Amino acid sequence: MRYEIDNDSFAVKIYDGINPEPFWFQPDYPNGDKFNTYTEAEEWAKLAILSQDSSYEFFAPNGKGIQGERKPTEAQLLEAKLSKTGLTVDDLKTLLGLN
């Protein structure tokens, strides 16, 4: 993966190394805060690329001076999927005879 930063607007483009177009275009922080310098945008771009690594535990920061949020754990992701079905973990245990 690689990134490009516009020298005037500090907009970030992130490329996957396979496709010619960027898969991620970020003109500002996700919450709308502006990148004020090239260095600030570059720091965010590096964290955004790092966040694509499944072994890295954080997302890129949503705004200026904000730390990246922790990614959900595998258990949290599974619970969210289960919740979408309307079932709870206890419901599933009951269905599987694990109570």
PDB file of N, CA and C in Angstrom:
ATOM      1  N   MET A   1       0.844  -1.183   0.000  1.00  0.00           N
ATOM      2  CA  MET A   1       0.000   0.000   0.000  1.00  0.00           C
ATOM      3  C   MET A   1       0.880   1.234   0.000  1.00  0.00           C
ATOM      4  N   ARG A   2       0.331   2.258  -0.601  1.00  0.00           N
ATOM      5  CA  ARG A   2       1.054   3.538  -0.619  1.00  0.00           C
ATOM      6  C   ARG A   2       0.039   4.667  -0.542  1.00  0.00           C
ATOM      7  N   TYR A   3       0.528   5.847  -0.226  1.00  0.00           N
ATOM      8  CA  TYR A   3      -0.353   7.016  -0.137  1.00  0.00           C
ATOM      9  C   TYR A   3       0.238   8.170  -0.927  1.00  0.00           C
ATOM     10  N   GLU A   4      -0.626   9.081  -1.306  1.00  0.00           N
ATOM     11  CA  GLU A   4      -0.231  10.359  -1.909  1.00  0.00           C
ATOM     12  C   GLU A   4      -0.966  11.442  -1.144  1.00  0.00           C
ATOM     13  N   ILE A   5      -0.315  12.579  -1.006  1.00  0.00           N
ATOM     14  CA  ILE A   5      -0.933  13.722  -0.320  1.00  0.00           C
ATOM     15  C   ILE A   5      -0.834  14.923  -1.236  1.00  0.00           C
ATOM     16  N   ASP A   6      -1.954  15.578  -1.457  1.00  0.00           N
ATOM     17  CA  ASP A   6      -1.990  16.781  -2.277  1.00  0.00           C
ATOM     18  C   ASP A   6      -1.253  17.889  -1.538  1.00  0.00           C
ATOM     19  N   ASN A   7      -0.314  18.524  -2.211  1.00  0.00           N
ATOM     20  CA  ASN A   7       0.503  19.563  -1.571  1.00  0.00           C
ATOM     21  C   ASN A   7      -0.277  20.817  -1.202  1.00  0.00           C
ATOM     22  N   ASP A   8      -1.404  21.056  -1.845  1.00  0.00           N
ATOM     23  CA  ASP A   8      -2.182  22.262  -1.566  1.00  0.00           C
ATOM     24  C   ASP A   8      -3.314  22.013  -0.563  1.00  0.00           C
ATOM     25  N   SER A   9      -4.084  20.968  -0.793  1.00  0.00           N
ATOM     26  CA  SER A   9      -5.255  20.719   0.062  1.00  0.00           C
ATOM     27  C   SER A   9      -4.971  19.739   1.195  1.00  0.00           C
ATOM     28  N   PHE A  10      -3.862  18.998   1.095  1.00  0.00           N
ATOM     29  CA  PHE A  10      -3.470  17.953   2.051  1.00  0.00           C
ATOM     30  C   PHE A  10      -4.414  16.756   2.035  1.00  0.00           C
ATOM     31  N   ALA A  11      -5.216  16.627   0.984  1.00  0.00           N
ATOM     32  CA  ALA A  11      -6.096  15.462   0.833  1.00  0.00           C
ATOM     33  C   ALA A  11      -5.231  14.215   0.660  1.00  0.00           C
ATOM     34  N   VAL A  12      -5.675  13.135   1.262  1.00  0.00           N
ATOM     35  CA  VAL A  12      -4.940  11.866   1.248  1.00  0.00           C
ATOM     36  C   VAL A  12      -5.611  10.887   0.286  1.00  0.00           C
ATOM     37  N   LYS A  13      -4.801  10.241  -0.529  1.00  0.00           N
ATOM     38  CA  LYS A  13      -5.246   9.138  -1.378  1.00  0.00           C
ATOM     39  C   LYS A  13      -4.423   7.926  -0.987  1.00  0.00           C
ATOM     40  N   ILE A  14      -5.123   6.802  -0.762  1.00  0.00           N
ATOM     41  CA  ILE A  14      -4.427   5.566  -0.413  1.00  0.00           C
ATOM     42  C   ILE A  14      -4.714   4.529  -1.491  1.00  0.00           C
ATOM     43  N   TYR A  15      -3.645   3.892  -1.950  1.00  0.00           N
ATOM     44  CA  TYR A  15      -3.712   2.913  -3.033  1.00  0.00           C
ATOM     45  C   TYR A  15      -3.396   1.522  -2.489  1.00  0.00           C
ATOM     46  N   ASP A  16      -4.084   0.522  -3.051  1.00  0.00           N
ATOM     47  CA  ASP A  16      -3.882  -0.849  -2.580  1.00  0.00           C
ATOM     48  C   ASP A  16      -2.715  -1.560  -3.259  1.00  0.00           C
ATOM     49  N   GLY A  17      -2.115  -0.941  -4.248  1.00  0.00           N
ATOM     50  CA  GLY A  17      -0.983  -1.561  -4.929  1.00  0.00           C
ATOM     51  C   GLY A  17      -1.400  -2.507  -6.036  1.00  0.00           C
ATOM     52  N   ILE A  18      -2.703  -2.658  -6.245  1.00  0.00           N
ATOM     53  CA  ILE A  18      -3.215  -3.538  -7.294  1.00  0.00           C
ATOM     54  C   ILE A  18      -3.952  -2.709  -8.344  1.00  0.00           C
ATOM     55  N   ASN A  19      -4.873  -1.885  -7.873  1.00  0.00           N
ATOM     56  CA  ASN A  19      -5.694  -1.064  -8.766  1.00  0.00           C
ATOM     57  C   ASN A  19      -5.055   0.306  -8.974  1.00  0.00           C
ATOM     58  N   PRO A  20      -5.252   0.900 -10.154  1.00  0.00           N
ATOM     59  CA  PRO A  20      -4.629   2.203 -10.419  1.00  0.00           C
ATOM     60  C   PRO A  20      -5.284   3.360  -9.656  1.00  0.00           C
ATOM     61  N   GLU A  21      -6.555   3.213  -9.296  1.00  0.00           N
ATOM     62  CA  GLU A  21      -7.239   4.292  -8.577  1.00  0.00           C
ATOM     63  C   GLU A  21      -7.138   4.050  -7.059  1.00  0.00           C
ATOM     64  N   PRO A  22      -7.198   5.117  -6.281  1.00  0.00           N
ATOM     65  CA  PRO A  22      -7.135   4.954  -4.829  1.00  0.00           C
ATOM     66  C   PRO A  22      -8.404   4.274  -4.314  1.00  0.00           C
ATOM     67  N   PHE A  23      -8.258   3.440  -3.291  1.00  0.00           N
ATOM     68  CA  PHE A  23      -9.434   2.843  -2.684  1.00  0.00           C
ATOM     69  C   PHE A  23      -9.932   3.694  -1.519  1.00  0.00           C
ATOM     70  N   TRP A  24      -9.128   4.678  -1.125  1.00  0.00           N
ATOM     71  CA  TRP A  24      -9.491   5.528   0.003  1.00  0.00           C
ATOM     72  C   TRP A  24      -9.080   6.962  -0.329  1.00  0.00           C
ATOM     73  N   PHE A  25     -10.046   7.849  -0.346  1.00  0.00           N
ATOM     74  CA  PHE A  25      -9.794   9.273  -0.536  1.00  0.00           C
ATOM     75  C   PHE A  25     -10.277   9.986   0.716  1.00  0.00           C
ATOM     76  N   GLN A  26      -9.384  10.710   1.373  1.00  0.00           N
ATOM     77  CA  GLN A  26      -9.728  11.379   2.621  1.00  0.00           C
ATOM     78  C   GLN A  26      -9.286  12.841   2.528  1.00  0.00           C
ATOM     79  N   PRO A  27     -10.213  13.763   2.195  1.00  0.00           N
ATOM     80  CA  PRO A  27      -9.836  15.175   2.064  1.00  0.00           C
ATOM     81  C   PRO A  27      -9.566  15.842   3.409  1.00  0.00           C
ATOM     82  N   ASP A  28     -10.184  15.334   4.467  1.00  0.00           N
ATOM     83  CA  ASP A  28     -10.034  15.838   5.833  1.00  0.00           C
ATOM     84  C   ASP A  28     -10.090  14.628   6.755  1.00  0.00           C
ATOM     85  N   TYR A  29      -9.981  14.872   8.063  1.00  0.00           N
ATOM     86  CA  TYR A  29     -10.236  13.782   9.003  1.00  0.00           C
ATOM     87  C   TYR A  29     -11.677  13.307   8.804  1.00  0.00           C
ATOM     88  N   PRO A  30     -11.982  12.072   9.159  1.00  0.00           N
ATOM     89  CA  PRO A  30     -13.350  11.586   8.983  1.00  0.00           C
ATOM     90  C   PRO A  30     -14.426  12.436   9.659  1.00  0.00           C
ATOM     91  N   ASN A  31     -14.105  13.099  10.768  1.00  0.00           N
ATOM     92  CA  ASN A  31     -15.114  13.927  11.452  1.00  0.00           C
ATOM     93  C   ASN A  31     -15.212  15.340  10.875  1.00  0.00           C
ATOM     94  N   GLY A  32     -14.439  15.633   9.835  1.00  0.00           N
ATOM     95  CA  GLY A  32     -14.501  16.945   9.192  1.00  0.00           C
ATOM     96  C   GLY A  32     -13.411  17.916   9.604  1.00  0.00           C
ATOM     97  N   ASP A  33     -12.640  17.583  10.657  1.00  0.00           N
ATOM     98  CA  ASP A  33     -11.496  18.430  11.016  1.00  0.00           C
ATOM     99  C   ASP A  33     -10.555  18.492   9.815  1.00  0.00           C
ATOM    100  N   LYS A  34      -9.942  19.641   9.603  1.00  0.00           N
ATOM    101  CA  LYS A  34      -9.039  19.833   8.468  1.00  0.00           C
ATOM    102  C   LYS A  34      -7.632  19.348   8.785  1.00  0.00           C
ATOM    103  N   PHE A  35      -6.961  18.795   7.782  1.00  0.00           N
ATOM    104  CA  PHE A  35      -5.522  18.568   7.878  1.00  0.00           C
ATOM    105  C   PHE A  35      -4.889  19.934   7.647  1.00  0.00           C
ATOM    106  N   ASN A  36      -4.143  20.439   8.609  1.00  0.00           N
ATOM    107  CA  ASN A  36      -3.564  21.777   8.483  1.00  0.00           C
ATOM    108  C   ASN A  36      -2.187  21.794   7.836  1.00  0.00           C
ATOM    109  N   THR A  37      -1.519  20.647   7.851  1.00  0.00           N
ATOM    110  CA  THR A  37      -0.176  20.582   7.273  1.00  0.00           C
ATOM    111  C   THR A  37       0.001  19.258   6.540  1.00  0.00           C
ATOM    112  N   TYR A  38       0.995  19.233   5.686  1.00  0.00           N
ATOM    113  CA  TYR A  38       1.349  17.998   4.989  1.00  0.00           C
ATOM    114  C   TYR A  38       1.720  16.922   6.003  1.00  0.00           C
ATOM    115  N   THR A  39       2.500  17.309   6.995  1.00  0.00           N
ATOM    116  CA  THR A  39       2.952  16.364   8.019  1.00  0.00           C
ATOM    117  C   THR A  39       1.779  15.755   8.777  1.00  0.00           C
ATOM    118  N   GLU A  40       0.801  16.557   9.099  1.00  0.00           N
ATOM    119  CA  GLU A  40      -0.387  16.067   9.800  1.00  0.00           C
ATOM    120  C   GLU A  40      -1.144  15.056   8.936  1.00  0.00           C
ATOM    121  N   ALA A  41      -1.317  15.369   7.664  1.00  0.00           N
ATOM    122  CA  ALA A  41      -1.993  14.453   6.745  1.00  0.00           C
ATOM    123  C   ALA A  41      -1.178  13.171   6.569  1.00  0.00           C
ATOM    124  N   GLU A  42       0.121  13.316   6.499  1.00  0.00           N
ATOM    125  CA  GLU A  42       0.991  12.147   6.332  1.00  0.00           C
ATOM    126  C   GLU A  42       0.921  11.229   7.548  1.00  0.00           C
ATOM    127  N   GLU A  43       0.900  11.799   8.728  1.00  0.00           N
ATOM    128  CA  GLU A  43       0.784  10.990   9.951  1.00  0.00           C
ATOM    129  C   GLU A  43      -0.531  10.199   9.930  1.00  0.00           C
ATOM    130  N   TRP A  44      -1.615  10.877   9.543  1.00  0.00           N
ATOM    131  CA  TRP A  44      -2.906  10.199   9.463  1.00  0.00           C
ATOM    132  C   TRP A  44      -2.864   9.090   8.405  1.00  0.00           C
ATOM    133  N   ALA A  45      -2.272   9.369   7.253  1.00  0.00           N
ATOM    134  CA  ALA A  45      -2.190   8.382   6.168  1.00  0.00           C
ATOM    135  C   ALA A  45      -1.444   7.129   6.623  1.00  0.00           C
ATOM    136  N   LYS A  46      -0.356   7.308   7.332  1.00  0.00           N
ATOM    137  CA  LYS A  46       0.415   6.158   7.820  1.00  0.00           C
ATOM    138  C   LYS A  46      -0.412   5.321   8.791  1.00  0.00           C
ATOM    139  N   LEU A  47      -1.163   5.987   9.670  1.00  0.00           N
ATOM    140  CA  LEU A  47      -2.018   5.258  10.608  1.00  0.00           C
ATOM    141  C   LEU A  47      -3.176   4.581   9.883  1.00  0.00           C
ATOM    142  N   ALA A  48      -3.700   5.220   8.841  1.00  0.00           N
ATOM    143  CA  ALA A  48      -4.780   4.627   8.059  1.00  0.00           C
ATOM    144  C   ALA A  48      -4.301   3.347   7.369  1.00  0.00           C
ATOM    145  N   ILE A  49      -3.111   3.383   6.810  1.00  0.00           N
ATOM    146  CA  ILE A  49      -2.553   2.188   6.178  1.00  0.00           C
ATOM    147  C   ILE A  49      -2.307   1.107   7.225  1.00  0.00           C
ATOM    148  N   LEU A  50      -1.748   1.492   8.353  1.00  0.00           N
ATOM    149  CA  LEU A  50      -1.505   0.543   9.431  1.00  0.00           C
ATOM    150  C   LEU A  50      -2.811  -0.096   9.907  1.00  0.00           C
ATOM    151  N   SER A  51      -3.884   0.678   9.910  1.00  0.00           N
ATOM    152  CA  SER A  51      -5.181   0.159  10.364  1.00  0.00           C
ATOM    153  C   SER A  51      -5.725  -0.930   9.444  1.00  0.00           C
ATOM    154  N   GLN A  52      -5.213  -1.029   8.222  1.00  0.00           N
ATOM    155  CA  GLN A  52      -5.648  -2.071   7.293  1.00  0.00           C
ATOM    156  C   GLN A  52      -5.036  -3.431   7.630  1.00  0.00           C
ATOM    157  N   ASP A  53      -4.021  -3.434   8.474  1.00  0.00           N
ATOM    158  CA  ASP A  53      -3.372  -4.669   8.919  1.00  0.00           C
ATOM    159  C   ASP A  53      -4.242  -5.301  10.007  1.00  0.00           C
ATOM    160  N   SER A  54      -4.678  -6.517   9.799  1.00  0.00           N
ATOM    161  CA  SER A  54      -5.575  -7.165  10.757  1.00  0.00           C
ATOM    162  C   SER A  54      -4.934  -7.364  12.128  1.00  0.00           C
ATOM    163  N   SER A  55      -3.616  -7.361  12.208  1.00  0.00           N
ATOM    164  CA  SER A  55      -2.962  -7.528  13.506  1.00  0.00           C
ATOM    165  C   SER A  55      -2.833  -6.208  14.275  1.00  0.00           C
ATOM    166  N   TYR A  56      -3.112  -5.086  13.613  1.00  0.00           N
ATOM    167  CA  TYR A  56      -3.066  -3.782  14.284  1.00  0.00           C
ATOM    168  C   TYR A  56      -4.426  -3.534  14.921  1.00  0.00           C
ATOM    169  N   GLU A  57      -4.463  -3.168  16.182  1.00  0.00           N
ATOM    170  CA  GLU A  57      -5.698  -3.146  16.970  1.00  0.00           C
ATOM    171  C   GLU A  57      -6.507  -1.856  16.906  1.00  0.00           C
ATOM    172  N   PHE A  58      -6.072  -0.866  16.115  1.00  0.00           N
ATOM    173  CA  PHE A  58      -6.763   0.423  16.130  1.00  0.00           C
ATOM    174  C   PHE A  58      -7.134   0.888  14.726  1.00  0.00           C
ATOM    175  N   PHE A  59      -8.198   1.699  14.661  1.00  0.00           N
ATOM    176  CA  PHE A  59      -8.570   2.390  13.433  1.00  0.00           C
ATOM    177  C   PHE A  59      -7.767   3.687  13.361  1.00  0.00           C
ATOM    178  N   ALA A  60      -7.724   4.308  12.192  1.00  0.00           N
ATOM    179  CA  ALA A  60      -7.108   5.632  12.054  1.00  0.00           C
ATOM    180  C   ALA A  60      -7.942   6.631  12.859  1.00  0.00           C
ATOM    181  N   PRO A  61      -7.322   7.694  13.379  1.00  0.00           N
ATOM    182  CA  PRO A  61      -8.065   8.683  14.178  1.00  0.00           C
ATOM    183  C   PRO A  61      -9.192   9.337  13.391  1.00  0.00           C
ATOM    184  N   ASN A  62     -10.303   9.574  14.063  1.00  0.00           N
ATOM    185  CA  ASN A  62     -11.452  10.233  13.426  1.00  0.00           C
ATOM    186  C   ASN A  62     -11.292  11.739  13.337  1.00  0.00           C
ATOM    187  N   GLY A  63     -10.432  12.329  14.172  1.00  0.00           N
ATOM    188  CA  GLY A  63     -10.287  13.776  14.167  1.00  0.00           C
ATOM    189  C   GLY A  63      -8.975  14.222  14.763  1.00  0.00           C
ATOM    190  N   LYS A  64      -8.775  15.497  14.713  1.00  0.00           N
ATOM    191  CA  LYS A  64      -7.561  16.135  15.211  1.00  0.00           C
ATOM    192  C   LYS A  64      -7.429  15.914  16.724  1.00  0.00           C
ATOM    193  N   GLY A  65      -6.290  15.413  17.154  1.00  0.00           N
ATOM    194  CA  GLY A  65      -6.022  15.215  18.576  1.00  0.00           C
ATOM    195  C   GLY A  65      -6.788  14.057  19.205  1.00  0.00           C
ATOM    196  N   ILE A  66      -7.406  13.216  18.367  1.00  0.00           N
ATOM    197  CA  ILE A  66      -8.176  12.083  18.864  1.00  0.00           C
ATOM    198  C   ILE A  66      -7.407  10.805  18.553  1.00  0.00           C
ATOM    199  N   GLN A  67      -7.315   9.914  19.525  1.00  0.00           N
ATOM    200  CA  GLN A  67      -6.665   8.634  19.276  1.00  0.00           C
ATOM    201  C   GLN A  67      -7.599   7.736  18.487  1.00  0.00           C
ATOM    202  N   GLY A  68      -7.027   6.858  17.694  1.00  0.00           N
ATOM    203  CA  GLY A  68      -7.828   5.902  16.948  1.00  0.00           C
ATOM    204  C   GLY A  68      -8.565   4.957  17.882  1.00  0.00           C
ATOM    205  N   GLU A  69      -9.791   4.638  17.533  1.00  0.00           N
ATOM    206  CA  GLU A  69     -10.578   3.725  18.357  1.00  0.00           C
ATOM    207  C   GLU A  69     -10.066   2.304  18.197  1.00  0.00           C
ATOM    208  N   ARG A  70     -10.222   1.531  19.265  1.00  0.00           N
ATOM    209  CA  ARG A  70      -9.829   0.123  19.224  1.00  0.00           C
ATOM    210  C   ARG A  70     -10.793  -0.643  18.320  1.00  0.00           C
ATOM    211  N   LYS A  71     -10.243  -1.514  17.481  1.00  0.00           N
ATOM    212  CA  LYS A  71     -11.068  -2.355  16.623  1.00  0.00           C
ATOM    213  C   LYS A  71     -11.803  -3.374  17.491  1.00  0.00           C
ATOM    214  N   PRO A  72     -12.976  -3.797  17.059  1.00  0.00           N
ATOM    215  CA  PRO A  72     -13.690  -4.818  17.829  1.00  0.00           C
ATOM    216  C   PRO A  72     -12.943  -6.155  17.791  1.00  0.00           C
ATOM    217  N   THR A  73     -13.086  -6.904  18.865  1.00  0.00           N
ATOM    218  CA  THR A  73     -12.474  -8.231  18.915  1.00  0.00           C
ATOM    219  C   THR A  73     -13.290  -9.201  18.068  1.00  0.00           C
ATOM    220  N   GLU A  74     -12.745 -10.365  17.810  1.00  0.00           N
ATOM    221  CA  GLU A  74     -13.455 -11.390  17.056  1.00  0.00           C
ATOM    222  C   GLU A  74     -14.768 -11.749  17.762  1.00  0.00           C
ATOM    223  N   ALA A  75     -14.719 -11.853  19.086  1.00  0.00           N
ATOM    224  CA  ALA A  75     -15.936 -12.177  19.850  1.00  0.00           C
ATOM    225  C   ALA A  75     -16.982 -11.070  19.699  1.00  0.00           C
ATOM    226  N   GLN A  76     -16.560  -9.822  19.731  1.00  0.00           N
ATOM    227  CA  GLN A  76     -17.496  -8.703  19.567  1.00  0.00           C
ATOM    228  C   GLN A  76     -18.117  -8.709  18.172  1.00  0.00           C
ATOM    229  N   LEU A  77     -17.330  -9.027  17.163  1.00  0.00           N
ATOM    230  CA  LEU A  77     -17.857  -9.108  15.800  1.00  0.00           C
ATOM    231  C   LEU A  77     -18.891 -10.229  15.678  1.00  0.00           C
ATOM    232  N   LEU A  78     -18.594 -11.364  16.283  1.00  0.00           N
ATOM    233  CA  LEU A  78     -19.537 -12.483  16.243  1.00  0.00           C
ATOM    234  C   LEU A  78     -20.821 -12.153  16.997  1.00  0.00           C
ATOM    235  N   GLU A  79     -20.691 -11.495  18.148  1.00  0.00           N
ATOM    236  CA  GLU A  79     -21.875 -11.098  18.906  1.00  0.00           C
ATOM    237  C   GLU A  79     -22.729 -10.109  18.122  1.00  0.00           C
ATOM    238  N   ALA A  80     -22.092  -9.210  17.391  1.00  0.00           N
ATOM    239  CA  ALA A  80     -22.836  -8.242  16.573  1.00  0.00           C
ATOM    240  C   ALA A  80     -23.601  -8.955  15.460  1.00  0.00           C
ATOM    241  N   LYS A  81     -22.958  -9.935  14.828  1.00  0.00           N
ATOM    242  CA  LYS A  81     -23.644 -10.715  13.795  1.00  0.00           C
ATOM    243  C   LYS A  81     -24.832 -11.462  14.387  1.00  0.00           C
ATOM    244  N   LEU A  82     -24.628 -12.055  15.548  1.00  0.00           N
ATOM    245  CA  LEU A  82     -25.691 -12.791  16.221  1.00  0.00           C
ATOM    246  C   LEU A  82     -26.837 -11.854  16.588  1.00  0.00           C
ATOM    247  N   SER A  83     -26.495 -10.680  17.061  1.00  0.00           N
ATOM    248  CA  SER A  83     -27.509  -9.694  17.456  1.00  0.00           C
ATOM    249  C   SER A  83     -28.396  -9.309  16.274  1.00  0.00           C
ATOM    250  N   LYS A  84     -27.830  -9.259  15.082  1.00  0.00           N
ATOM    251  CA  LYS A  84     -28.604  -8.913  13.885  1.00  0.00           C
ATOM    252  C   LYS A  84     -29.685  -9.948  13.594  1.00  0.00           C
ATOM    253  N   THR A  85     -29.490 -11.170  14.093  1.00  0.00           N
ATOM    254  CA  THR A  85     -30.499 -12.213  13.892  1.00  0.00           C
ATOM    255  C   THR A  85     -31.618 -12.112  14.927  1.00  0.00           C
ATOM    256  N   GLY A  86     -31.413 -11.289  15.947  1.00  0.00           N
ATOM    257  CA  GLY A  86     -32.395 -11.163  17.017  1.00  0.00           C
ATOM    258  C   GLY A  86     -32.136 -12.127  18.165  1.00  0.00           C
ATOM    259  N   LEU A  87     -31.059 -12.879  18.084  1.00  0.00           N
ATOM    260  CA  LEU A  87     -30.713 -13.830  19.137  1.00  0.00           C
ATOM    261  C   LEU A  87     -29.645 -13.261  20.057  1.00  0.00           C
ATOM    262  N   THR A  88     -29.643 -13.739  21.285  1.00  0.00           N
ATOM    263  CA  THR A  88     -28.582 -13.388  22.235  1.00  0.00           C
ATOM    264  C   THR A  88     -27.644 -14.584  22.354  1.00  0.00           C
ATOM    265  N   VAL A  89     -26.539 -14.391  23.024  1.00  0.00           N
ATOM    266  CA  VAL A  89     -25.613 -15.497  23.265  1.00  0.00           C
ATOM    267  C   VAL A  89     -26.324 -16.585  24.079  1.00  0.00           C
ATOM    268  N   ASP A  90     -27.116 -16.168  25.069  1.00  0.00           N
ATOM    269  CA  ASP A  90     -27.855 -17.144  25.875  1.00  0.00           C
ATOM    270  C   ASP A  90     -28.864 -17.913  25.026  1.00  0.00           C
ATOM    271  N   ASP A  91     -29.533 -17.228  24.094  1.00  0.00           N
ATOM    272  CA  ASP A  91     -30.468 -17.904  23.189  1.00  0.00           C
ATOM    273  C   ASP A  91     -29.740 -18.979  22.382  1.00  0.00           C
ATOM    274  N   LEU A  92     -28.575 -18.631  21.868  1.00  0.00           N
ATOM    275  CA  LEU A  92     -27.811 -19.567  21.061  1.00  0.00           C
ATOM    276  C   LEU A  92     -27.373 -20.766  21.894  1.00  0.00           C
ATOM    277  N   LYS A  93     -26.931 -20.509  23.127  1.00  0.00           N
ATOM    278  CA  LYS A  93     -26.536 -21.605  24.009  1.00  0.00           C
ATOM    279  C   LYS A  93     -27.717 -22.554  24.244  1.00  0.00           C
ATOM    280  N   THR A  94     -28.889 -21.979  24.445  1.00  0.00           N
ATOM    281  CA  THR A  94     -30.089 -22.792  24.656  1.00  0.00           C
ATOM    282  C   THR A  94     -30.382 -23.626  23.415  1.00  0.00           C
ATOM    283  N   LEU A  95     -30.314 -22.999  22.241  1.00  0.00           N
ATOM    284  CA  LEU A  95     -30.560 -23.729  20.996  1.00  0.00           C
ATOM    285  C   LEU A  95     -29.577 -24.883  20.786  1.00  0.00           C
ATOM    286  N   LEU A  96     -28.366 -24.678  21.216  1.00  0.00           N
ATOM    287  CA  LEU A  96     -27.332 -25.695  21.039  1.00  0.00           C
ATOM    288  C   LEU A  96     -27.260 -26.689  22.208  1.00  0.00           C
ATOM    289  N   GLY A  97     -28.129 -26.476  23.202  1.00  0.00           N
ATOM    290  CA  GLY A  97     -28.158 -27.372  24.369  1.00  0.00           C
ATOM    291  C   GLY A  97     -26.935 -27.227  25.250  1.00  0.00           C
ATOM    292  N   LEU A  98     -26.396 -26.031  25.323  1.00  0.00           N
ATOM    293  CA  LEU A  98     -25.180 -25.790  26.122  1.00  0.00           C
ATOM    294  C   LEU A  98     -25.483 -25.215  27.504  1.00  0.00           C
ATOM    295  N   ASN A  99     -26.732 -25.089  27.854  1.00  0.00           N
ATOM    296  CA  ASN A  99     -27.080 -24.562  29.186  1.00  0.00           C
ATOM    297  C   ASN A  99     -27.174 -25.680  30.187  1.00  0.00           C
TER     298      ASN A  99
END
